[in-house]
Each structure stands twice: as C-alpha cells, then as structure tokens.
Amino acid sequence: MKKKLVAASVVAGVALTLGSVSGAVAHDGKGERGAGISKVLDGLVTKGTLTKDQVDSIKKAMEDARASFKADLDERRAAHLKVITDTLGITEADLTTRLKAGETLAAIAGVKKDALIDALVAFHGKQIDDAVAAGKLSSERATKMKANLKDHVTKMVERVKGPKDGPGEGKKFGHKGGKGFGHGPRA
C-alpha cells in the first residue's frame, strides 16, 4: 500500500509539474534530457520504493508530455512566423535570410513597422488571453504582461540579432537568454 501511495504521489507530482509549467523537463544540464530524473527514479526502483513498471509508466508520461510540448511550441512558432510574413508580405525563407544577414525586423518591415508591431501585439495578447482561459496564467499576471507587451514587442522588432539568431536558432528570450514577454515563440 505504501509503495502505491508513493508511486501515485510521484506520478501526481510529475503530472502537475508538467501540466502547470508548460514543457517542464527534468534535465540536469549535464547530458540527455530527462537523465537526472531517470537516475532518481531508477534509484527508487533499486531501493524498492517503486516498481520498474511504475517507473516505466512515469518515464513514458514524461516523454509524452515533452513531445506534446514540442509540438505545441512548433505550432506557436509557425503561427508567430506567419503573422510576421503575412504582415510584411514576404516568404519565411526571405525573412530567415534577411534576419541571418543581420537585419532587424524593423528594417525588414520598413514602412510596415507599426503594422508589424500592432499585429504581434495582437497575436501575443491573444496568446495571453488563451492562457488565462485555459487556467495556465492568472488574470493578474496577464494584466502585467499586457501592460508591457507593446514595449517588449517593439524591442523584439528593433533587436539586432547575431548570425545564429534567425527564427528558431540561437539564444532568444527565456532560459539563459534574457527575460521573455509572454507565451509563445520568439522570432
């Protein structure tokens, strides 16, 4: 009974963590994703706290959550790029080439800069609203994020990127790359 309770607690904790922190992964920073938690779980099997089947189920749930998060991130990144390319009337390939050449989104947009900023603010504002509706973000936090959204989007549009900072490459906002401004991909 005690083993089942511990296993259920571990599974619930992992599920809650993965569900509430979109895309949280157990990564020890020293190797393969999930290696740190795998070692911990394997140690619990060795100690007899959990069975191998329970650990396998936990690992499978984590892999599924990671894959789901990646698919969601890819979808949001594609939607973000579509807003940019549709607003500017250029292809994704042209956008990527110009960003890699060192142009800012502002330079690429030219006279459409204000329209691009408005489109991106609307896009990210909707993502924030969707996160509130899904219970992933508090309305208080959403209000704070929206208050700074136009400034953050403007900085993103005017930001000069390095040679490896095209869409989906290099350091952006977030982990070890600075502060982000909300949910969603950054181009």
Protein backbone atom coordinates (compact mmCIF):
# COMPACT_ATOMS: atom_id res chain seq x y z
CA MET A 1 0.00 0.00 0.00
CA LYS A 2 2.81 2.39 0.93
CA LYS A 3 4.57 1.75 -2.43
CA LYS A 4 1.37 2.52 -4.32
CA LEU A 5 0.88 5.74 -2.38
CA VAL A 6 4.48 6.84 -3.06
CA ALA A 7 4.15 5.92 -6.75
CA ALA A 8 0.87 7.80 -7.02
CA SER A 9 2.45 10.81 -5.32
CA VAL A 10 5.41 10.79 -7.69
CA VAL A 11 3.16 10.43 -10.74
CA ALA A 12 0.85 13.19 -9.49
CA GLY A 13 3.78 15.48 -8.75
CA VAL A 14 5.31 14.89 -12.16
CA ALA A 15 1.94 15.34 -13.89
CA LEU A 16 1.19 18.54 -12.02
CA THR A 17 4.64 19.92 -12.72
CA LEU A 18 4.48 19.07 -16.40
CA GLY A 19 0.92 20.31 -16.69
CA SER A 20 1.34 23.62 -14.90
CA VAL A 21 4.78 24.55 -16.13
CA SER A 22 4.33 24.06 -19.83
CA GLY A 23 7.14 21.96 -21.09
CA ALA A 24 9.00 21.46 -17.87
CA VAL A 25 11.61 18.80 -18.34
CA ALA A 26 13.80 17.02 -15.88
CA HIS A 27 17.15 17.98 -17.25
CA ASP A 28 20.26 18.01 -15.13
CA GLY A 29 22.11 20.21 -17.63
CA LYS A 30 24.87 17.63 -17.98
CA GLY A 31 23.56 15.40 -20.69
CA GLU A 32 20.46 13.93 -22.16
CA ARG A 33 17.06 15.42 -21.34
CA GLY A 34 15.44 13.55 -18.50
CA ALA A 35 18.67 11.88 -17.41
CA GLY A 36 18.58 13.48 -13.96
CA ILE A 37 15.05 12.32 -13.13
CA SER A 38 15.74 8.92 -14.68
CA LYS A 39 18.59 8.39 -12.25
CA VAL A 40 16.37 9.37 -9.32
CA LEU A 41 13.55 7.08 -10.45
CA ASP A 42 15.94 4.20 -11.11
CA GLY A 43 17.31 4.70 -7.61
CA LEU A 44 13.78 4.40 -6.21
CA VAL A 45 13.44 1.07 -8.03
CA THR A 46 16.73 -0.12 -6.54
CA LYS A 47 15.53 0.87 -3.06
CA GLY A 48 12.22 -0.92 -3.63
CA THR A 49 10.15 2.25 -3.28
CA LEU A 50 8.78 1.95 -6.82
CA THR A 51 8.47 -0.95 -9.23
CA LYS A 52 10.11 -0.96 -12.64
CA ASP A 53 6.65 -0.86 -14.25
CA GLN A 54 5.73 2.23 -12.25
CA VAL A 55 8.95 3.98 -13.24
CA ASP A 56 8.47 2.98 -16.88
CA SER A 57 4.96 4.50 -16.75
CA ILE A 58 6.31 7.72 -15.26
CA LYS A 59 9.08 7.94 -17.88
CA LYS A 60 6.57 7.30 -20.68
CA ALA A 61 4.27 10.03 -19.32
CA MET A 62 7.21 12.44 -19.22
CA GLU A 63 8.26 11.58 -22.79
CA ASP A 64 4.68 12.08 -23.98
CA ALA A 65 4.44 15.44 -22.19
CA ARG A 66 7.77 16.54 -23.69
CA ALA A 67 6.64 15.56 -27.20
CA SER A 68 3.33 17.34 -26.72
CA PHE A 69 5.10 20.48 -25.52
CA LYS A 70 7.47 20.42 -28.51
CA ALA A 71 4.56 20.03 -30.93
CA ASP A 72 2.74 22.93 -29.25
CA LEU A 73 5.87 25.08 -29.36
CA ASP A 74 6.42 24.29 -33.05
CA GLU A 75 2.80 25.21 -33.78
CA ARG A 76 3.07 28.52 -31.91
CA ARG A 77 6.40 29.32 -33.59
CA ALA A 78 4.86 28.68 -37.02
CA ALA A 79 1.87 30.89 -36.15
CA HIS A 80 4.21 33.66 -34.97
CA LEU A 81 6.22 33.50 -38.19
CA LYS A 82 3.01 33.54 -40.21
CA VAL A 83 1.94 36.78 -38.51
CA ILE A 84 5.27 38.34 -39.46
CA THR A 85 5.37 37.07 -43.03
CA ASP A 86 1.71 37.85 -43.72
CA THR A 87 2.05 41.37 -42.31
CA LEU A 88 5.20 42.08 -44.30
CA GLY A 89 4.14 40.23 -47.43
CA ILE A 90 7.34 38.16 -47.64
CA THR A 91 8.16 34.47 -47.51
CA GLU A 92 9.58 32.73 -44.46
CA ALA A 93 12.71 31.94 -46.48
CA ASP A 94 13.22 35.64 -47.29
CA LEU A 95 12.63 36.58 -43.67
CA THR A 96 15.11 33.99 -42.41
CA THR A 97 17.76 35.03 -44.94
CA ARG A 98 17.45 38.70 -44.05
CA LEU A 99 17.49 38.05 -40.30
CA LYS A 100 20.57 35.86 -40.64
CA ALA A 101 22.21 38.64 -42.65
CA GLY A 102 21.83 40.87 -39.57
CA GLU A 103 18.77 42.94 -40.48
CA THR A 104 16.28 43.74 -37.75
CA LEU A 105 12.59 43.05 -38.18
CA ALA A 106 12.15 46.84 -38.13
CA ALA A 107 14.49 47.24 -41.09
CA ILE A 108 12.81 44.42 -42.97
CA ALA A 109 9.37 45.88 -42.23
CA GLY A 110 10.31 49.39 -43.35
CA VAL A 111 7.13 51.47 -43.54
CA LYS A 112 5.15 48.48 -42.24
CA LYS A 113 6.97 48.54 -38.88
CA ASP A 114 3.99 49.93 -36.94
CA ALA A 115 1.64 47.43 -38.59
CA LEU A 116 4.03 44.61 -37.66
CA ILE A 117 4.21 45.75 -34.05
CA ASP A 118 0.40 46.01 -33.86
CA ALA A 119 -0.02 42.54 -35.41
CA LEU A 120 2.48 40.98 -33.00
CA VAL A 121 0.92 42.73 -30.00
CA ALA A 122 -2.48 41.37 -31.05
CA PHE A 123 -1.00 37.89 -31.57
CA HIS A 124 0.74 37.76 -28.19
CA GLY A 125 -2.25 39.40 -26.48
CA LYS A 126 -4.46 36.60 -27.79
CA GLN A 127 -1.96 34.01 -26.54
CA ILE A 128 -2.04 35.61 -23.11
CA ASP A 129 -5.87 35.62 -23.15
CA ASP A 130 -5.89 31.97 -24.24
CA ALA A 131 -3.52 31.07 -21.39
CA VAL A 132 -5.84 32.79 -18.89
CA ALA A 133 -8.88 30.99 -20.35
CA ALA A 134 -7.04 27.66 -20.10
CA GLY A 135 -6.15 28.33 -16.46
CA LYS A 136 -2.41 28.41 -17.20
CA LEU A 137 -2.00 32.08 -16.29
CA SER A 138 -3.62 34.26 -13.66
CA SER A 139 -5.52 37.32 -14.80
CA GLU A 140 -3.29 39.46 -12.56
CA ARG A 141 -0.16 38.18 -14.30
CA ALA A 142 -1.84 38.60 -17.69
CA THR A 143 -2.63 42.23 -16.91
CA LYS A 144 1.02 42.88 -16.01
CA MET A 145 2.24 41.13 -19.14
CA LYS A 146 -0.14 43.06 -21.37
CA ALA A 147 0.88 46.35 -19.78
CA ASN A 148 4.42 45.85 -21.08
CA LEU A 149 3.59 43.93 -24.22
CA LYS A 150 3.92 46.74 -26.76
CA ASP A 151 7.29 47.80 -25.33
CA HIS A 152 8.59 44.23 -25.41
CA VAL A 153 7.35 43.61 -28.94
CA THR A 154 8.87 46.89 -30.11
CA LYS A 155 12.23 45.90 -28.59
CA MET A 156 11.99 42.49 -30.26
CA VAL A 157 11.23 44.09 -33.63
CA GLU A 158 14.15 46.51 -33.28
CA ARG A 159 16.59 43.98 -31.82
CA VAL A 160 19.70 43.27 -33.85
CA LYS A 161 20.27 39.54 -33.94
CA GLY A 162 23.53 37.69 -34.19
CA PRO A 163 24.45 35.43 -37.10
CA LYS A 164 22.83 32.39 -35.48
CA ASP A 165 19.70 34.16 -34.22
CA GLY A 166 17.31 33.54 -37.11
CA PRO A 167 13.89 32.07 -36.38
CA GLY A 168 14.31 29.04 -34.15
CA GLU A 169 18.06 29.45 -33.72
CA GLY A 170 20.45 30.91 -31.17
CA LYS A 171 19.57 32.43 -27.83
CA LYS A 172 16.35 34.35 -27.64
CA PHE A 173 14.35 35.29 -24.61
CA GLY A 174 13.89 32.99 -21.66
CA HIS A 175 16.31 30.43 -20.20
CA LYS A 176 19.82 31.88 -20.23
CA GLY A 177 18.79 34.32 -22.95
CA GLY A 178 17.10 37.10 -21.02
CA LYS A 179 13.58 37.85 -19.95
CA GLY A 180 10.68 36.88 -22.14
CA PHE A 181 7.45 38.80 -22.51
CA GLY A 182 4.81 36.13 -22.53
CA HIS A 183 3.89 32.83 -24.00
CA GLY A 184 4.75 31.88 -27.47
CA PRO A 185 7.67 31.63 -29.79
CA ARG A 186 10.04 34.43 -30.41
CA ALA A 187 11.40 35.14 -33.85
